[in-house]
PDB file of N, CA and C in Angstrom:
ATOM      1  N   UNK A   1      16.106   9.993   5.155  1.00  0.00           N
ATOM      2  CA  UNK A   1      14.810   9.384   4.950  1.00  0.00           C
ATOM      3  C   UNK A   1      14.557   9.139   3.469  1.00  0.00           C
ATOM      4  N   UNK A   2      13.465   8.487   3.226  1.00  0.00           N
ATOM      5  CA  UNK A   2      13.069   8.163   1.860  1.00  0.00           C
ATOM      6  C   UNK A   2      11.548   8.144   1.790  1.00  0.00           C
ATOM      7  N   UNK A   3      11.014   8.429   0.609  1.00  0.00           N
ATOM      8  CA  UNK A   3       9.562   8.406   0.430  1.00  0.00           C
ATOM      9  C   UNK A   3       9.229   7.904  -0.965  1.00  0.00           C
ATOM     10  N   UNK A   4       7.970   7.542  -1.149  1.00  0.00           N
ATOM     11  CA  UNK A   4       7.553   7.058  -2.451  1.00  0.00           C
ATOM     12  C   UNK A   4       6.074   6.748  -2.495  1.00  0.00           C
ATOM     13  N   UNK A   5       5.666   6.113  -3.572  1.00  0.00           N
ATOM     14  CA  UNK A   5       4.264   5.754  -3.780  1.00  0.00           C
ATOM     15  C   UNK A   5       4.178   4.356  -4.368  1.00  0.00           C
ATOM     16  N   UNK A   6       3.094   3.672  -4.050  1.00  0.00           N
ATOM     17  CA  UNK A   6       2.781   2.366  -4.621  1.00  0.00           C
ATOM     18  C   UNK A   6       1.347   2.444  -5.121  1.00  0.00           C
ATOM     19  N   UNK A   7       1.121   2.076  -6.379  1.00  0.00           N
ATOM     20  CA  UNK A   7      -0.229   2.057  -6.938  1.00  0.00           C
ATOM     21  C   UNK A   7      -0.473   0.707  -7.593  1.00  0.00           C
ATOM     22  N   UNK A   8      -1.604   0.117  -7.263  1.00  0.00           N
ATOM     23  CA  UNK A   8      -2.021  -1.151  -7.855  1.00  0.00           C
ATOM     24  C   UNK A   8      -3.394  -0.929  -8.460  1.00  0.00           C
ATOM     25  N   UNK A   9      -3.568  -1.329  -9.720  1.00  0.00           N
ATOM     26  CA  UNK A   9      -4.885  -1.174 -10.344  1.00  0.00           C
ATOM     27  C   UNK A   9      -5.093  -2.230 -11.418  1.00  0.00           C
ATOM     28  N   UNK A  10      -6.352  -2.569 -11.617  1.00  0.00           N
ATOM     29  CA  UNK A  10      -6.732  -3.529 -12.644  1.00  0.00           C
ATOM     30  C   UNK A  10      -8.239  -3.431 -12.856  1.00  0.00           C
ATOM     31  N   UNK A  11      -8.658  -3.427 -14.109  1.00  0.00           N
ATOM     32  CA  UNK A  11     -10.082  -3.406 -14.427  1.00  0.00           C
ATOM     33  C   UNK A  11     -10.306  -4.316 -15.625  1.00  0.00           C
ATOM     34  N   UNK A  12     -11.276  -5.154 -15.655  1.00  0.00           N
ATOM     35  CA  UNK A  12     -12.462  -5.205 -14.793  1.00  0.00           C
ATOM     36  C   UNK A  12     -12.323  -6.133 -13.591  1.00  0.00           C
ATOM     37  N   UNK A  13     -11.220  -6.893 -13.490  1.00  0.00           N
ATOM     38  CA  UNK A  13     -11.069  -7.813 -12.366  1.00  0.00           C
ATOM     39  C   UNK A  13     -10.268  -7.147 -11.253  1.00  0.00           C
ATOM     40  N   UNK A  14     -10.860  -6.989 -10.051  1.00  0.00           N
ATOM     41  CA  UNK A  14     -10.132  -6.370  -8.938  1.00  0.00           C
ATOM     42  C   UNK A  14      -8.865  -7.161  -8.591  1.00  0.00           C
ATOM     43  N   UNK A  15      -7.740  -6.464  -8.350  1.00  0.00           N
ATOM     44  CA  UNK A  15      -6.469  -7.136  -8.077  1.00  0.00           C
ATOM     45  C   UNK A  15      -6.208  -7.423  -6.600  1.00  0.00           C
ATOM     46  N   UNK A  16      -7.184  -7.209  -5.755  1.00  0.00           N
ATOM     47  CA  UNK A  16      -6.953  -7.279  -4.306  1.00  0.00           C
ATOM     48  C   UNK A  16      -7.461  -8.584  -3.722  1.00  0.00           C
ATOM     49  N   UNK A  17      -6.830  -9.086  -2.647  1.00  0.00           N
ATOM     50  CA  UNK A  17      -5.734  -8.490  -1.881  1.00  0.00           C
ATOM     51  C   UNK A  17      -4.403  -8.571  -2.638  1.00  0.00           C
ATOM     52  N   UNK A  18      -3.523  -7.630  -2.321  1.00  0.00           N
ATOM     53  CA  UNK A  18      -2.228  -7.533  -3.002  1.00  0.00           C
ATOM     54  C   UNK A  18      -1.149  -7.195  -1.980  1.00  0.00           C
ATOM     55  N   UNK A  19      -0.100  -8.026  -1.943  1.00  0.00           N
ATOM     56  CA  UNK A  19       1.064  -7.749  -1.092  1.00  0.00           C
ATOM     57  C   UNK A  19       2.134  -7.111  -1.949  1.00  0.00           C
ATOM     58  N   UNK A  20       2.746  -6.071  -1.410  1.00  0.00           N
ATOM     59  CA  UNK A  20       3.825  -5.378  -2.119  1.00  0.00           C
ATOM     60  C   UNK A  20       5.048  -5.304  -1.212  1.00  0.00           C
ATOM     61  N   UNK A  21       6.216  -5.544  -1.782  1.00  0.00           N
ATOM     62  CA  UNK A  21       7.482  -5.341  -1.074  1.00  0.00           C
ATOM     63  C   UNK A  21       8.149  -4.128  -1.694  1.00  0.00           C
ATOM     64  N   UNK A  22       8.456  -3.143  -0.863  1.00  0.00           N
ATOM     65  CA  UNK A  22       9.091  -1.909  -1.322  1.00  0.00           C
ATOM     66  C   UNK A  22      10.532  -1.922  -0.821  1.00  0.00           C
ATOM     67  N   UNK A  23      11.481  -1.894  -1.741  1.00  0.00           N
ATOM     68  CA  UNK A  23      12.901  -1.882  -1.389  1.00  0.00           C
ATOM     69  C   UNK A  23      13.401  -0.443  -1.373  1.00  0.00           C
ATOM     70  N   UNK A  24      14.141  -0.094  -0.323  1.00  0.00           N
ATOM     71  CA  UNK A  24      14.717   1.238  -0.225  1.00  0.00           C
ATOM     72  C   UNK A  24      15.873   1.377  -1.208  1.00  0.00           C
ATOM     73  N   UNK A  25      16.099   2.593  -1.685  1.00  0.00           N
ATOM     74  CA  UNK A  25      17.211   2.840  -2.606  1.00  0.00           C
ATOM     75  C   UNK A  25      18.537   2.522  -1.938  1.00  0.00           C
ATOM     76  N   UNK A  26      18.617   2.861  -0.651  1.00  0.00           N
ATOM     77  CA  UNK A  26      19.806   2.572   0.138  1.00  0.00           C
ATOM     78  C   UNK A  26      19.337   2.063   1.501  1.00  0.00           C
ATOM     79  N   UNK A  27      19.883   0.940   1.991  1.00  0.00           N
ATOM     80  CA  UNK A  27      19.439   0.408   3.281  1.00  0.00           C
ATOM     81  C   UNK A  27      19.697   1.392   4.425  1.00  0.00           C
ATOM     82  N   UNK A  28      18.817   1.381   5.407  1.00  0.00           N
ATOM     83  CA  UNK A  28      18.994   2.181   6.615  1.00  0.00           C
ATOM     84  C   UNK A  28      19.969   1.460   7.546  1.00  0.00           C
ATOM     85  N   UNK A  29      20.548   2.184   8.499  1.00  0.00           N
ATOM     86  CA  UNK A  29      21.468   1.591   9.473  1.00  0.00           C
ATOM     87  C   UNK A  29      20.715   0.725  10.485  1.00  0.00           C
ATOM     88  N   UNK A  30      19.448   1.024  10.703  1.00  0.00           N
ATOM     89  CA  UNK A  30      18.599   0.293  11.640  1.00  0.00           C
ATOM     90  C   UNK A  30      17.206   0.222  11.021  1.00  0.00           C
ATOM     91  N   UNK A  31      16.293  -0.463  11.668  1.00  0.00           N
ATOM     92  CA  UNK A  31      14.932  -0.561  11.142  1.00  0.00           C
ATOM     93  C   UNK A  31      14.253   0.810  11.227  1.00  0.00           C
ATOM     94  N   UNK A  32      13.802   1.367  10.102  1.00  0.00           N
ATOM     95  CA  UNK A  32      13.192   2.700  10.116  1.00  0.00           C
ATOM     96  C   UNK A  32      11.724   2.663  10.541  1.00  0.00           C
ATOM     97  N   UNK A  33      11.219   3.817  10.901  1.00  0.00           N
ATOM     98  CA  UNK A  33       9.776   3.990  11.096  1.00  0.00           C
ATOM     99  C   UNK A  33       9.178   4.250   9.717  1.00  0.00           C
ATOM    100  N   UNK A  34       8.033   3.647   9.434  1.00  0.00           N
ATOM    101  CA  UNK A  34       7.364   3.825   8.147  1.00  0.00           C
ATOM    102  C   UNK A  34       5.973   4.388   8.396  1.00  0.00           C
ATOM    103  N   UNK A  35       5.688   5.525   7.776  1.00  0.00           N
ATOM    104  CA  UNK A  35       4.359   6.129   7.826  1.00  0.00           C
ATOM    105  C   UNK A  35       3.754   6.010   6.436  1.00  0.00           C
ATOM    106  N   UNK A  36       2.447   5.768   6.366  1.00  0.00           N
ATOM    107  CA  UNK A  36       1.808   5.609   5.063  1.00  0.00           C
ATOM    108  C   UNK A  36       0.364   6.081   5.120  1.00  0.00           C
ATOM    109  N   UNK A  37      -0.173   6.378   3.962  1.00  0.00           N
ATOM    110  CA  UNK A  37      -1.564   6.817   3.863  1.00  0.00           C
ATOM    111  C   UNK A  37      -2.111   6.529   2.478  1.00  0.00           C
ATOM    112  N   UNK A  38      -3.418   6.361   2.409  1.00  0.00           N
ATOM    113  CA  UNK A  38      -4.066   6.110   1.123  1.00  0.00           C
ATOM    114  C   UNK A  38      -4.093   7.400   0.321  1.00  0.00           C
ATOM    115  N   UNK A  39      -3.619   7.326  -0.911  1.00  0.00           N
ATOM    116  CA  UNK A  39      -3.558   8.493  -1.785  1.00  0.00           C
ATOM    117  C   UNK A  39      -4.657   8.467  -2.843  1.00  0.00           C
ATOM    118  N   UNK A  40      -5.041   7.259  -3.300  1.00  0.00           N
ATOM    119  CA  UNK A  40      -6.004   7.142  -4.389  1.00  0.00           C
ATOM    120  C   UNK A  40      -6.835   5.884  -4.203  1.00  0.00           C
ATOM    121  N   UNK A  41      -8.138   5.996  -4.505  1.00  0.00           N
ATOM    122  CA  UNK A  41      -9.036   4.837  -4.512  1.00  0.00           C
ATOM    123  C   UNK A  41      -9.862   4.883  -5.784  1.00  0.00           C
ATOM    124  N   UNK A  42      -9.927   3.751  -6.477  1.00  0.00           N
ATOM    125  CA  UNK A  42     -10.820   3.584  -7.625  1.00  0.00           C
ATOM    126  C   UNK A  42     -11.762   2.444  -7.263  1.00  0.00           C
ATOM    127  N   UNK A  43     -13.049   2.758  -7.126  1.00  0.00           N
ATOM    128  CA  UNK A  43     -14.006   1.750  -6.674  1.00  0.00           C
ATOM    129  C   UNK A  43     -15.248   1.731  -7.555  1.00  0.00           C
ATOM    130  N   UNK A  44     -16.032   0.673  -7.414  1.00  0.00           N
ATOM    131  CA  UNK A  44     -17.293   0.555  -8.144  1.00  0.00           C
ATOM    132  C   UNK A  44     -18.266   1.617  -7.634  1.00  0.00           C
ATOM    133  N   UNK A  45     -18.977   2.250  -8.540  1.00  0.00           N
ATOM    134  CA  UNK A  45     -19.880   3.340  -8.161  1.00  0.00           C
ATOM    135  C   UNK A  45     -21.083   2.850  -7.360  1.00  0.00           C
ATOM    136  N   UNK A  46     -21.448   1.592  -7.494  1.00  0.00           N
ATOM    137  CA  UNK A  46     -22.665   1.098  -6.852  1.00  0.00           C
ATOM    138  C   UNK A  46     -22.394   0.248  -5.613  1.00  0.00           C
ATOM    139  N   UNK A  47     -21.185   0.309  -5.090  1.00  0.00           N
ATOM    140  CA  UNK A  47     -20.816  -0.423  -3.875  1.00  0.00           C
ATOM    141  C   UNK A  47     -20.202   0.540  -2.869  1.00  0.00           C
ATOM    142  N   UNK A  48     -20.217   0.141  -1.601  1.00  0.00           N
ATOM    143  CA  UNK A  48     -19.540   0.935  -0.583  1.00  0.00           C
ATOM    144  C   UNK A  48     -18.039   0.928  -0.850  1.00  0.00           C
ATOM    145  N   UNK A  49     -17.382   2.013  -0.472  1.00  0.00           N
ATOM    146  CA  UNK A  49     -15.936   2.133  -0.674  1.00  0.00           C
ATOM    147  C   UNK A  49     -15.237   1.901   0.657  1.00  0.00           C
ATOM    148  N   UNK A  50     -14.573   0.764   0.756  1.00  0.00           N
ATOM    149  CA  UNK A  50     -13.817   0.433   1.964  1.00  0.00           C
ATOM    150  C   UNK A  50     -12.479  -0.153   1.530  1.00  0.00           C
ATOM    151  N   UNK A  51     -11.412   0.376   2.103  1.00  0.00           N
ATOM    152  CA  UNK A  51     -10.070  -0.117   1.785  1.00  0.00           C
ATOM    153  C   UNK A  51      -9.320  -0.362   3.085  1.00  0.00           C
ATOM    154  N   UNK A  52      -8.405  -1.301   3.044  1.00  0.00           N
ATOM    155  CA  UNK A  52      -7.605  -1.651   4.206  1.00  0.00           C
ATOM    156  C   UNK A  52      -6.153  -1.773   3.757  1.00  0.00           C
ATOM    157  N   UNK A  53      -5.264  -1.045   4.424  1.00  0.00           N
ATOM    158  CA  UNK A  53      -3.831  -1.114   4.135  1.00  0.00           C
ATOM    159  C   UNK A  53      -3.120  -1.417   5.446  1.00  0.00           C
ATOM    160  N   UNK A  54      -2.299  -2.469   5.448  1.00  0.00           N
ATOM    161  CA  UNK A  54      -1.582  -2.862   6.661  1.00  0.00           C
ATOM    162  C   UNK A  54      -0.097  -2.988   6.373  1.00  0.00           C
ATOM    163  N   UNK A  55       0.692  -2.528   7.316  1.00  0.00           N
ATOM    164  CA  UNK A  55       2.137  -2.711   7.266  1.00  0.00           C
ATOM    165  C   UNK A  55       2.426  -4.104   7.816  1.00  0.00           C
ATOM    166  N   UNK A  56       3.038  -4.972   7.013  1.00  0.00           N
ATOM    167  CA  UNK A  56       3.276  -6.354   7.429  1.00  0.00           C
ATOM    168  C   UNK A  56       4.606  -6.532   8.152  1.00  0.00           C
ATOM    169  N   UNK A  57       5.657  -5.931   7.619  1.00  0.00           N
ATOM    170  CA  UNK A  57       6.967  -5.993   8.260  1.00  0.00           C
ATOM    171  C   UNK A  57       7.857  -4.868   7.739  1.00  0.00           C
ATOM    172  N   UNK A  58       8.887  -4.549   8.560  1.00  0.00           N
ATOM    173  CA  UNK A  58       9.863  -3.507   8.201  1.00  0.00           C
ATOM    174  C   UNK A  58      11.256  -4.034   8.518  1.00  0.00           C
ATOM    175  N   UNK A  59      12.159  -3.876   7.568  1.00  0.00           N
ATOM    176  CA  UNK A  59      13.568  -4.227   7.737  1.00  0.00           C
ATOM    177  C   UNK A  59      14.401  -3.042   7.254  1.00  0.00           C
ATOM    178  N   UNK A  60      15.687  -2.984   7.585  1.00  0.00           N
ATOM    179  CA  UNK A  60      16.509  -1.858   7.135  1.00  0.00           C
ATOM    180  C   UNK A  60      16.560  -1.697   5.615  1.00  0.00           C
ATOM    181  N   UNK A  61      16.353  -2.783   4.868  1.00  0.00           N
ATOM    182  CA  UNK A  61      16.461  -2.712   3.408  1.00  0.00           C
ATOM    183  C   UNK A  61      15.117  -2.647   2.681  1.00  0.00           C
ATOM    184  N   UNK A  62      14.001  -2.929   3.378  1.00  0.00           N
ATOM    185  CA  UNK A  62      12.704  -2.981   2.693  1.00  0.00           C
ATOM    186  C   UNK A  62      11.560  -3.058   3.699  1.00  0.00           C
ATOM    187  N   UNK A  63      10.327  -2.923   3.189  1.00  0.00           N
ATOM    188  CA  UNK A  63       9.136  -3.173   3.997  1.00  0.00           C
ATOM    189  C   UNK A  63       8.051  -3.750   3.105  1.00  0.00           C
ATOM    190  N   UNK A  64       7.028  -4.308   3.739  1.00  0.00           N
ATOM    191  CA  UNK A  64       5.939  -4.924   2.988  1.00  0.00           C
ATOM    192  C   UNK A  64       4.596  -4.406   3.491  1.00  0.00           C
ATOM    193  N   UNK A  65       3.682  -4.162   2.543  1.00  0.00           N
ATOM    194  CA  UNK A  65       2.325  -3.760   2.895  1.00  0.00           C
ATOM    195  C   UNK A  65       1.329  -4.704   2.224  1.00  0.00           C
ATOM    196  N   UNK A  66       0.160  -4.807   2.848  1.00  0.00           N
ATOM    197  CA  UNK A  66      -0.955  -5.566   2.299  1.00  0.00           C
ATOM    198  C   UNK A  66      -2.066  -4.575   1.997  1.00  0.00           C
ATOM    199  N   UNK A  67      -2.504  -4.542   0.747  1.00  0.00           N
ATOM    200  CA  UNK A  67      -3.598  -3.665   0.327  1.00  0.00           C
ATOM    201  C   UNK A  67      -4.776  -4.551  -0.043  1.00  0.00           C
ATOM    202  N   UNK A  68      -5.956  -4.242   0.522  1.00  0.00           N
ATOM    203  CA  UNK A  68      -7.122  -5.060   0.202  1.00  0.00           C
ATOM    204  C   UNK A  68      -8.407  -4.259   0.338  1.00  0.00           C
ATOM    205  N   UNK A  69      -9.449  -4.792  -0.272  1.00  0.00           N
ATOM    206  CA  UNK A  69     -10.774  -4.215  -0.090  1.00  0.00           C
ATOM    207  C   UNK A  69     -11.368  -4.848   1.161  1.00  0.00           C
ATOM    208  N   UNK A  70     -12.333  -4.182   1.748  1.00  0.00           N
ATOM    209  CA  UNK A  70     -12.952  -4.685   2.965  1.00  0.00           C
ATOM    210  C   UNK A  70     -14.428  -4.972   2.721  1.00  0.00           C
ATOM    211  N   UNK A  71     -14.881  -6.066   3.295  1.00  0.00           N
ATOM    212  CA  UNK A  71     -16.287  -6.475   3.218  1.00  0.00           C
ATOM    213  C   UNK A  71     -16.732  -6.633   1.766  1.00  0.00           C
ATOM    214  N   UNK A  72     -17.797  -5.962   1.345  1.00  0.00           N
ATOM    215  CA  UNK A  72     -18.350  -6.166   0.002  1.00  0.00           C
ATOM    216  C   UNK A  72     -17.879  -5.124  -1.012  1.00  0.00           C
ATOM    217  N   UNK A  73     -16.859  -4.365  -0.681  1.00  0.00           N
ATOM    218  CA  UNK A  73     -16.365  -3.331  -1.598  1.00  0.00           C
ATOM    219  C   UNK A  73     -15.689  -3.951  -2.813  1.00  0.00           C
ATOM    220  N   UNK A  74     -15.796  -3.263  -3.940  1.00  0.00           N
ATOM    221  CA  UNK A  74     -15.094  -3.663  -5.161  1.00  0.00           C
ATOM    222  C   UNK A  74     -14.114  -2.560  -5.516  1.00  0.00           C
ATOM    223  N   UNK A  75     -12.842  -2.779  -5.218  1.00  0.00           N
ATOM    224  CA  UNK A  75     -11.801  -1.804  -5.533  1.00  0.00           C
ATOM    225  C   UNK A  75     -11.070  -2.241  -6.788  1.00  0.00           C
ATOM    226  N   UNK A  76     -10.868  -1.300  -7.690  1.00  0.00           N
ATOM    227  CA  UNK A  76     -10.120  -1.562  -8.912  1.00  0.00           C
ATOM    228  C   UNK A  76      -8.738  -0.922  -8.867  1.00  0.00           C
ATOM    229  N   UNK A  77      -8.535   0.022  -7.954  1.00  0.00           N
ATOM    230  CA  UNK A  77      -7.247   0.672  -7.820  1.00  0.00           C
ATOM    231  C   UNK A  77      -7.065   1.221  -6.422  1.00  0.00           C
ATOM    232  N   UNK A  78      -5.826   1.192  -5.949  1.00  0.00           N
ATOM    233  CA  UNK A  78      -5.506   1.723  -4.633  1.00  0.00           C
ATOM    234  C   UNK A  78      -4.080   2.250  -4.683  1.00  0.00           C
ATOM    235  N   UNK A  79      -3.888   3.490  -4.258  1.00  0.00           N
ATOM    236  CA  UNK A  79      -2.574   4.103  -4.219  1.00  0.00           C
ATOM    237  C   UNK A  79      -2.198   4.455  -2.793  1.00  0.00           C
ATOM    238  N   UNK A  80      -0.943   4.224  -2.438  1.00  0.00           N
ATOM    239  CA  UNK A  80      -0.445   4.483  -1.090  1.00  0.00           C
ATOM    240  C   UNK A  80       0.822   5.327  -1.185  1.00  0.00           C
ATOM    241  N   UNK A  81       0.876   6.413  -0.420  1.00  0.00           N
ATOM    242  CA  UNK A  81       2.096   7.210  -0.264  1.00  0.00           C
ATOM    243  C   UNK A  81       2.766   6.772   1.030  1.00  0.00           C
ATOM    244  N   UNK A  82       4.096   6.755   1.045  1.00  0.00           N
ATOM    245  CA  UNK A  82       4.805   6.325   2.237  1.00  0.00           C
ATOM    246  C   UNK A  82       6.064   7.161   2.464  1.00  0.00           C
ATOM    247  N   UNK A  83       6.528   7.143   3.722  1.00  0.00           N
ATOM    248  CA  UNK A  83       7.759   7.823   4.105  1.00  0.00           C
ATOM    249  C   UNK A  83       8.445   6.973   5.172  1.00  0.00           C
ATOM    250  N   UNK A  84       9.753   6.806   5.048  1.00  0.00           N
ATOM    251  CA  UNK A  84      10.529   6.030   6.017  1.00  0.00           C
ATOM    252  C   UNK A  84      11.689   6.874   6.530  1.00  0.00           C
ATOM    253  N   UNK A  85      11.913   6.816   7.839  1.00  0.00           N
ATOM    254  CA  UNK A  85      13.033   7.554   8.432  1.00  0.00           C
ATOM    255  C   UNK A  85      13.415   6.919   9.764  1.00  0.00           C
ATOM    256  N   UNK A  86      14.633   7.236  10.215  1.00  0.00           N
ATOM    257  CA  UNK A  86      15.100   6.751  11.519  1.00  0.00           C
ATOM    258  C   UNK A  86      14.703   7.706  12.607  1.00  0.00           C
TER     259      UNK A  86
END
């Protein structure tokens, strides 16, 4: 298996939505299962905090996620931890 983190941040202009492609150090023999979770959120203090992270696709050599704010939230940073295994 393999694990890692992806962090996207920018201030004062929010960088979202943001697509990220994460390449594995070594390709898997088959398409792995990918688990992920939000690790960090940096948001405006005077707005609701809503974040959305979606797994777009998974291949033996890489996967892609979409990180975005939801509704009227202003996110300046979002961190995601992930783990992939067969």
